[in-house]
Amino acid sequence: MTDLAPLTTAKVGGPARTFVEATTEAEIIDAVRTADAVGDPLLILAGGSNLIIADDGFDGTVVRLASTGYEVNDDNATCGGVMVKAQAGQPWDALVEYTVLHAFSGLEALAGIPGSTGATPVQNVGAYGSDVSQTLATVRTWDRETNTVKSFTNYELQFGYRDSLLKRTTVNGSPRYVVLTVEFQLALGRMSAPVRYAELAREVGVEIGERAYATDVRRAVLKLRGAKGMVLDPEDRDTFSTGSFFTNPIVDAATAATLPENAPRYPTADAGQVKLSAAWLIDQAGFGKGFGLADDAGFAAAGGRASLSTKHTLAVTNRGNASATDLLAVAALVADGVEHRFGIRLHPEPLLIGCSL
């Protein structure tokens, strides 16, 4: 059996009963069809940055997407920009770096996010006011229900905040639609997309809505993410996590009005809905940076086997010898504490495989 912990960024999780590494589209489809033909539970794994696997492991087939590479179609570059199609297993940040260095604009604010390209449309991955739905053109998938290849347009994916049709049709890490390739439509030019996030705008010295050089935006994002322990670094235990463990809650205006005036509030696309800061709620509920599970299995203000990042309260980190149970214990205590203090339940962003809060 293959140990899955080393294949995840949180470095937790037990073994897979059956493990297949697929390096081509044909191998991905074949591995999935083989598992489905015998009724084996199926888990799709790529960069391992957005899931917590139970300590008991996965009693089924794990297919690791190791298909890499990308191609650029610039036949209509003068009017519609360029199309960049990437394989599902392509490391995401390497793709972002390539696009920025070749003066393709649109992905620069998503630099430094760990994981694979194929995972980005599932979660509608985003950061610093940008998300993949703003540039994604099509996703090519294997539909396990019909045993056919199916492509989706941006509209058909029904994107929402950290959500998509792909995510809503995934159960315990087992998707109906297995992503094969992802295609983006990017503008030509060395200037970034409009900077939409105040912290990033300050870092690059522009007003919100203005543009900056895409290379400067990418550099600033990597700096900001690095300061929060959100760029993978084998020497930094704060990066041994799934990134942001909780999504920012979206609540109605009446619920938002119950919070103190200084609570951050952000507009949403839906009238009457307000997005809150999960990090602010966690901190104000009494869980500071570094709060965690002490070695004696009690909770402590700082340190231990598992803890909130010492740089950012949204990440639950493995300090060296934590189990999945340890990480979830910290996350559950935080979620319960926020709900008790503010009446708002935080929801996990990563997939929880064989476990729950």
Protein backbone atom coordinates (compact mmCIF):
# COMPACT_ATOMS: atom_id res chain seq x y z
CA MET A 1 0.00 0.00 0.00
CA THR A 2 1.17 3.52 -0.81
CA ASP A 3 1.45 6.04 2.02
CA LEU A 4 -0.49 9.16 1.02
CA ALA A 5 0.85 11.62 3.61
CA PRO A 6 4.00 12.53 1.61
CA LEU A 7 1.80 13.35 -1.39
CA THR A 8 -0.10 16.08 0.47
CA THR A 9 1.03 19.51 1.62
CA ALA A 10 -0.28 18.91 5.16
CA LYS A 11 1.76 15.67 5.33
CA VAL A 12 -1.00 13.66 7.02
CA GLY A 13 -3.12 10.69 6.01
CA GLY A 14 -2.87 6.92 5.89
CA PRO A 15 -2.23 4.55 2.97
CA ALA A 16 -4.19 3.83 -0.20
CA ARG A 17 -5.27 0.25 -0.79
CA THR A 18 -4.65 0.72 -4.52
CA PHE A 19 -2.55 3.52 -5.97
CA VAL A 20 -2.18 4.46 -9.64
CA GLU A 21 -0.06 7.29 -11.01
CA ALA A 22 -1.37 8.42 -14.39
CA THR A 23 0.92 10.54 -16.58
CA THR A 24 -1.28 10.91 -19.67
CA GLU A 25 -4.92 11.58 -20.40
CA ALA A 26 -5.36 8.02 -21.63
CA GLU A 27 -3.84 6.62 -18.44
CA ILE A 28 -6.14 8.80 -16.30
CA ILE A 29 -9.25 7.60 -18.12
CA ASP A 30 -8.10 3.97 -18.03
CA ALA A 31 -7.37 4.08 -14.28
CA VAL A 32 -10.74 5.67 -13.51
CA ARG A 33 -12.66 3.23 -15.72
CA THR A 34 -10.87 0.27 -14.15
CA ALA A 35 -11.81 1.37 -10.63
CA ASP A 36 -15.39 2.10 -11.64
CA ALA A 37 -15.77 -1.23 -13.41
CA VAL A 38 -15.21 -3.13 -10.15
CA GLY A 39 -17.09 -0.63 -7.98
CA ASP A 40 -13.98 0.51 -6.13
CA PRO A 41 -14.20 3.80 -4.18
CA LEU A 42 -12.18 6.40 -6.09
CA LEU A 43 -10.10 9.34 -4.87
CA ILE A 44 -8.48 11.76 -7.32
CA LEU A 45 -5.20 13.22 -6.07
CA ALA A 46 -2.89 15.70 -7.77
CA GLY A 47 -0.90 18.33 -5.86
CA GLY A 48 -2.46 17.26 -2.56
CA SER A 49 -2.78 20.85 -1.39
CA ASN A 50 -6.50 20.94 -0.73
CA LEU A 51 -7.39 17.79 1.16
CA ILE A 52 -7.05 16.13 4.54
CA ILE A 53 -6.97 12.33 4.32
CA ALA A 54 -7.99 10.30 7.36
CA ASP A 55 -5.26 8.57 9.36
CA ASP A 56 -6.76 5.21 8.36
CA GLY A 57 -6.08 6.07 4.75
CA PHE A 58 -8.32 5.35 1.77
CA ASP A 59 -9.84 1.91 1.27
CA GLY A 60 -10.12 2.10 -2.48
CA THR A 61 -8.26 3.34 -5.55
CA VAL A 62 -6.32 6.59 -5.51
CA VAL A 63 -5.49 7.97 -8.96
CA ARG A 64 -2.73 10.56 -8.87
CA LEU A 65 -2.90 12.96 -11.81
CA ALA A 66 0.68 13.35 -13.01
CA SER A 67 -0.06 14.63 -16.51
CA THR A 68 1.98 17.81 -17.03
CA GLY A 69 2.64 20.39 -19.71
CA TYR A 70 0.78 23.15 -21.51
CA GLU A 71 0.38 24.55 -24.99
CA VAL A 72 -0.28 28.05 -26.30
CA ASN A 73 -2.57 28.87 -29.20
CA ASP A 74 -1.98 32.43 -30.34
CA ASP A 75 -3.57 32.20 -33.80
CA ASN A 76 -5.99 35.01 -32.87
CA ALA A 77 -3.63 36.89 -30.60
CA THR A 78 -4.31 40.27 -32.14
CA CYS A 79 -7.97 40.34 -31.13
CA GLY A 80 -8.74 37.76 -28.46
CA GLY A 81 -5.48 37.32 -26.62
CA VAL A 82 -4.00 33.83 -26.32
CA MET A 83 -5.39 30.47 -25.29
CA VAL A 84 -3.27 28.48 -22.86
CA LYS A 85 -4.30 24.83 -22.35
CA ALA A 86 -2.72 22.95 -19.44
CA GLN A 87 -2.82 19.31 -18.39
CA ALA A 88 -4.62 18.55 -15.14
CA GLY A 89 -1.47 17.55 -13.27
CA GLN A 90 0.52 20.62 -14.32
CA PRO A 91 1.87 22.43 -11.21
CA TRP A 92 -0.15 25.62 -10.97
CA ASP A 93 2.48 28.16 -9.93
CA ALA A 94 4.83 27.08 -12.72
CA LEU A 95 2.03 27.78 -15.21
CA VAL A 96 1.40 31.21 -13.69
CA GLU A 97 5.12 32.02 -13.87
CA TYR A 98 5.24 31.00 -17.53
CA THR A 99 2.28 33.19 -18.47
CA VAL A 100 3.66 36.24 -16.69
CA LEU A 101 7.14 35.88 -18.17
CA HIS A 102 5.63 35.59 -21.66
CA ALA A 103 3.45 38.70 -21.23
CA PHE A 104 0.13 36.88 -20.96
CA SER A 105 -2.00 38.81 -18.48
CA GLY A 106 -4.66 37.54 -16.08
CA LEU A 107 -3.18 34.90 -13.75
CA GLU A 108 -0.52 36.99 -11.98
CA ALA A 109 -2.53 37.58 -8.77
CA LEU A 110 -2.86 33.80 -8.36
CA ALA A 111 0.88 33.21 -8.03
CA GLY A 112 2.22 30.99 -5.27
CA ILE A 113 -0.92 28.92 -4.81
CA PRO A 114 0.17 25.28 -4.37
CA GLY A 115 -1.42 22.38 -6.18
CA SER A 116 -2.28 21.39 -9.72
CA THR A 117 -3.98 23.23 -12.55
CA GLY A 118 -6.75 20.65 -12.73
CA ALA A 119 -7.86 21.49 -9.20
CA THR A 120 -8.25 25.21 -9.84
CA PRO A 121 -11.68 25.18 -11.51
CA VAL A 122 -13.08 22.73 -8.94
CA GLN A 123 -12.64 25.22 -6.09
CA ASN A 124 -12.73 28.29 -8.32
CA VAL A 125 -9.35 29.00 -6.77
CA GLY A 126 -8.77 32.63 -5.96
CA ALA A 127 -6.73 35.14 -4.03
CA TYR A 128 -6.17 38.91 -3.84
CA GLY A 129 -9.37 39.78 -5.64
CA SER A 130 -8.84 37.34 -8.51
CA ASP A 131 -10.09 33.84 -9.24
CA VAL A 132 -9.80 31.42 -12.14
CA SER A 133 -13.37 32.03 -13.31
CA GLN A 134 -12.22 35.43 -14.61
CA THR A 135 -9.95 33.88 -17.25
CA LEU A 136 -11.04 30.25 -17.64
CA ALA A 137 -12.45 29.36 -21.05
CA THR A 138 -13.10 25.61 -21.03
CA VAL A 139 -12.49 22.49 -18.95
CA ARG A 140 -12.24 19.05 -20.54
CA THR A 141 -13.32 16.17 -18.28
CA TRP A 142 -14.08 12.47 -18.14
CA ASP A 143 -17.72 11.98 -17.17
CA ARG A 144 -17.86 8.82 -15.04
CA GLU A 145 -21.63 8.49 -15.33
CA THR A 146 -21.78 8.45 -19.12
CA ASN A 147 -18.25 7.11 -19.78
CA THR A 148 -17.54 9.91 -22.24
CA VAL A 149 -15.31 12.95 -22.51
CA LYS A 150 -17.29 16.10 -21.71
CA SER A 151 -16.20 19.72 -22.05
CA PHE A 152 -17.60 22.64 -20.08
CA THR A 153 -17.59 26.32 -20.89
CA ASN A 154 -17.04 28.91 -18.20
CA TYR A 155 -20.79 29.56 -17.98
CA GLU A 156 -21.64 25.87 -17.73
CA LEU A 157 -19.35 25.43 -14.72
CA GLN A 158 -21.68 27.65 -12.63
CA PHE A 159 -18.87 29.27 -10.69
CA GLY A 160 -19.43 30.74 -7.25
CA TYR A 161 -17.22 31.74 -4.34
CA ARG A 162 -14.82 28.78 -3.96
CA ASP A 163 -17.43 26.70 -5.71
CA SER A 164 -18.34 25.19 -9.07
CA LEU A 165 -20.43 22.47 -10.66
CA LEU A 166 -17.33 20.27 -10.50
CA LYS A 167 -17.15 20.67 -6.73
CA ARG A 168 -20.88 20.19 -6.19
CA THR A 169 -20.75 16.87 -8.06
CA THR A 170 -17.79 15.58 -6.00
CA VAL A 171 -18.52 13.35 -3.00
CA ASN A 172 -15.77 12.62 -0.46
CA GLY A 173 -13.07 13.38 -3.02
CA SER A 174 -14.71 11.23 -5.70
CA PRO A 175 -15.81 13.45 -8.62
CA ARG A 176 -18.34 12.70 -11.28
CA TYR A 177 -16.21 14.76 -13.69
CA VAL A 178 -12.46 14.04 -13.65
CA VAL A 179 -10.58 17.06 -15.01
CA LEU A 180 -8.27 16.28 -17.94
CA THR A 181 -7.27 19.71 -19.25
CA VAL A 182 -8.00 23.35 -18.42
CA GLU A 183 -7.88 26.17 -20.96
CA PHE A 184 -7.50 29.87 -20.16
CA GLN A 185 -8.02 32.92 -22.34
CA LEU A 186 -5.42 35.53 -21.41
CA ALA A 187 -4.84 39.05 -22.62
CA LEU A 188 -1.60 40.02 -24.30
CA GLY A 189 0.56 42.60 -22.59
CA ARG A 190 2.93 43.21 -19.73
CA MET A 191 0.35 45.01 -17.62
CA SER A 192 -1.72 43.07 -15.12
CA ALA A 193 -5.45 42.72 -14.91
CA PRO A 194 -6.96 45.50 -12.76
CA VAL A 195 -5.75 45.12 -9.17
CA ARG A 196 -8.87 44.52 -7.08
CA TYR A 197 -7.47 43.91 -3.58
CA ALA A 198 -6.45 46.76 -1.27
CA GLU A 199 -3.45 45.02 0.32
CA LEU A 200 -2.04 44.09 -3.08
CA ALA A 201 -2.72 47.56 -4.49
CA ARG A 202 -0.73 49.12 -1.64
CA GLU A 203 2.13 46.70 -2.18
CA VAL A 204 2.51 47.58 -5.87
CA GLY A 205 1.73 51.27 -5.38
CA VAL A 206 -1.47 51.65 -7.39
CA GLU A 207 -5.09 52.49 -6.65
CA ILE A 208 -7.71 49.76 -6.59
CA GLY A 209 -8.84 49.13 -10.17
CA GLU A 210 -5.58 50.30 -11.72
CA ARG A 211 -3.07 48.09 -13.47
CA ALA A 212 0.60 47.44 -12.74
CA TYR A 213 3.29 45.44 -14.45
CA ALA A 214 2.27 41.79 -14.17
CA THR A 215 5.78 40.83 -13.07
CA ASP A 216 5.50 43.32 -10.19
CA VAL A 217 2.08 41.97 -9.22
CA ARG A 218 3.34 38.38 -9.21
CA ARG A 219 6.38 39.39 -7.13
CA ALA A 220 4.18 41.27 -4.66
CA VAL A 221 1.76 38.36 -4.33
CA LEU A 222 4.60 35.94 -3.62
CA LYS A 223 5.93 38.34 -0.98
CA LEU A 224 2.53 38.75 0.69
CA ARG A 225 1.76 35.03 0.58
CA GLY A 226 5.23 34.17 1.86
CA ALA A 227 4.80 36.48 4.85
CA LYS A 228 1.64 34.53 5.70
CA GLY A 229 3.22 31.09 5.27
CA MET A 230 1.18 30.50 2.13
CA VAL A 231 4.03 29.61 -0.23
CA LEU A 232 5.39 26.08 0.12
CA ASP A 233 8.77 26.00 1.86
CA PRO A 234 10.26 22.76 3.24
CA GLU A 235 12.09 24.80 5.89
CA ASP A 236 8.96 26.55 7.15
CA ARG A 237 6.48 24.46 9.16
CA ASP A 238 3.84 27.17 8.69
CA THR A 239 3.54 26.02 5.08
CA PHE A 240 2.73 22.40 6.00
CA SER A 241 -1.00 22.93 5.66
CA THR A 242 -3.86 23.07 3.18
CA GLY A 243 -3.56 26.85 2.98
CA SER A 244 -6.70 28.60 4.16
CA PHE A 245 -8.60 25.95 6.13
CA PHE A 246 -11.85 27.94 6.26
CA THR A 247 -13.66 29.90 3.58
CA ASN A 248 -14.71 33.44 4.30
CA PRO A 249 -18.37 33.13 5.35
CA ILE A 250 -21.05 34.81 3.27
CA VAL A 251 -24.01 35.91 5.39
CA ASP A 252 -27.10 38.04 5.04
CA ALA A 253 -27.00 41.73 5.91
CA ALA A 254 -28.88 41.20 9.15
CA THR A 255 -26.26 38.75 10.42
CA ALA A 256 -23.43 41.03 9.37
CA ALA A 257 -25.08 43.87 11.29
CA THR A 258 -24.71 41.93 14.56
CA LEU A 259 -20.92 42.15 14.34
CA PRO A 260 -18.82 45.01 15.74
CA GLU A 261 -18.44 48.01 13.45
CA ASN A 262 -14.76 47.24 12.86
CA ALA A 263 -15.46 43.76 11.50
CA PRO A 264 -14.29 43.57 7.87
CA ARG A 265 -17.13 43.33 5.37
CA TYR A 266 -16.88 42.81 1.63
CA PRO A 267 -19.51 43.11 -1.10
CA THR A 268 -20.67 40.06 -3.05
CA ALA A 269 -22.36 39.51 -6.38
CA ASP A 270 -25.62 38.72 -4.59
CA ALA A 271 -27.70 41.60 -3.29
CA GLY A 272 -28.23 41.46 0.46
CA GLN A 273 -25.24 39.15 1.02
CA VAL A 274 -22.01 40.16 2.75
CA LYS A 275 -18.67 38.36 2.81
CA LEU A 276 -16.86 38.37 6.16
CA SER A 277 -13.26 37.72 7.10
CA ALA A 278 -12.80 34.25 8.60
CA ALA A 279 -9.36 35.29 9.87
CA TRP A 280 -10.86 38.24 11.77
CA LEU A 281 -13.59 36.08 13.29
CA ILE A 282 -11.04 33.47 14.41
CA ASP A 283 -8.77 36.05 16.00
CA GLN A 284 -11.63 37.88 17.73
CA ALA A 285 -12.97 34.58 19.07
CA GLY A 286 -9.72 34.19 20.99
CA PHE A 287 -7.65 31.98 18.70
CA GLY A 288 -4.42 33.79 17.92
CA LYS A 289 -1.56 32.88 15.63
CA GLY A 290 0.12 29.69 16.81
CA PHE A 291 -2.81 28.43 18.88
CA GLY A 292 -2.66 24.67 18.84
CA LEU A 293 -2.53 21.19 20.22
CA ALA A 294 0.19 20.78 22.83
CA ASP A 295 2.26 17.62 23.06
CA ASP A 296 0.32 16.55 26.15
CA ALA A 297 -2.86 16.51 24.01
CA GLY A 298 -4.21 19.63 25.68
CA PHE A 299 -4.68 22.92 23.87
CA ALA A 300 -2.14 25.67 24.29
CA ALA A 301 -1.76 29.30 23.31
CA ALA A 302 1.10 28.37 21.03
CA GLY A 303 2.99 25.39 19.65
CA GLY A 304 2.48 21.65 19.82
CA ARG A 305 1.95 18.96 17.21
CA ALA A 306 -0.65 20.93 15.28
CA SER A 307 -1.51 24.61 15.44
CA LEU A 308 -2.79 27.62 13.61
CA SER A 309 0.01 29.13 11.58
CA THR A 310 2.28 31.48 13.50
CA LYS A 311 1.86 33.89 10.58
CA HIS A 312 -1.84 33.61 9.70
CA THR A 313 -4.83 32.32 11.65
CA LEU A 314 -6.57 30.77 8.64
CA ALA A 315 -4.08 27.93 8.19
CA VAL A 316 -4.01 24.80 10.39
CA THR A 317 -0.45 23.50 10.29
CA ASN A 318 1.46 20.30 10.93
CA ARG A 319 4.34 21.22 13.23
CA GLY A 320 6.24 18.00 12.57
CA ASN A 321 4.48 14.89 13.79
CA ALA A 322 0.79 15.72 13.68
CA SER A 323 -1.91 13.36 12.49
CA ALA A 324 -5.03 14.22 10.52
CA THR A 325 -6.93 13.83 13.80
CA ASP A 326 -4.69 16.48 15.38
CA LEU A 327 -5.28 18.99 12.58
CA LEU A 328 -9.03 18.43 12.71
CA ALA A 329 -9.07 18.82 16.50
CA VAL A 330 -7.59 22.31 16.16
CA ALA A 331 -9.94 23.20 13.31
CA ALA A 332 -13.01 21.93 15.18
CA LEU A 333 -12.17 23.89 18.30
CA VAL A 334 -11.74 27.05 16.24
CA ALA A 335 -15.00 26.53 14.33
CA ASP A 336 -16.89 25.84 17.55
CA GLY A 337 -15.38 28.89 19.22
CA VAL A 338 -16.31 31.22 16.37
CA GLU A 339 -19.86 29.87 16.34
CA HIS A 340 -20.19 30.31 20.10
CA ARG A 341 -18.84 33.87 19.96
CA PHE A 342 -20.56 35.16 16.82
CA GLY A 343 -23.23 32.61 15.85
CA ILE A 344 -21.51 32.04 12.51
CA ARG A 345 -20.31 28.58 11.49
CA LEU A 346 -17.09 28.41 9.52
CA HIS A 347 -16.87 25.79 6.79
CA PRO A 348 -13.71 23.98 5.69
CA GLU A 349 -12.19 24.79 2.33
CA PRO A 350 -10.20 21.55 1.84
CA LEU A 351 -11.83 18.23 1.09
CA LEU A 352 -12.03 15.99 4.15
CA ILE A 353 -11.48 12.42 2.99
CA GLY A 354 -12.83 9.79 5.38
CA CYS A 355 -13.02 12.31 8.21
CA SER A 356 -15.00 15.33 9.34
CA LEU A 357 -14.96 18.24 11.78
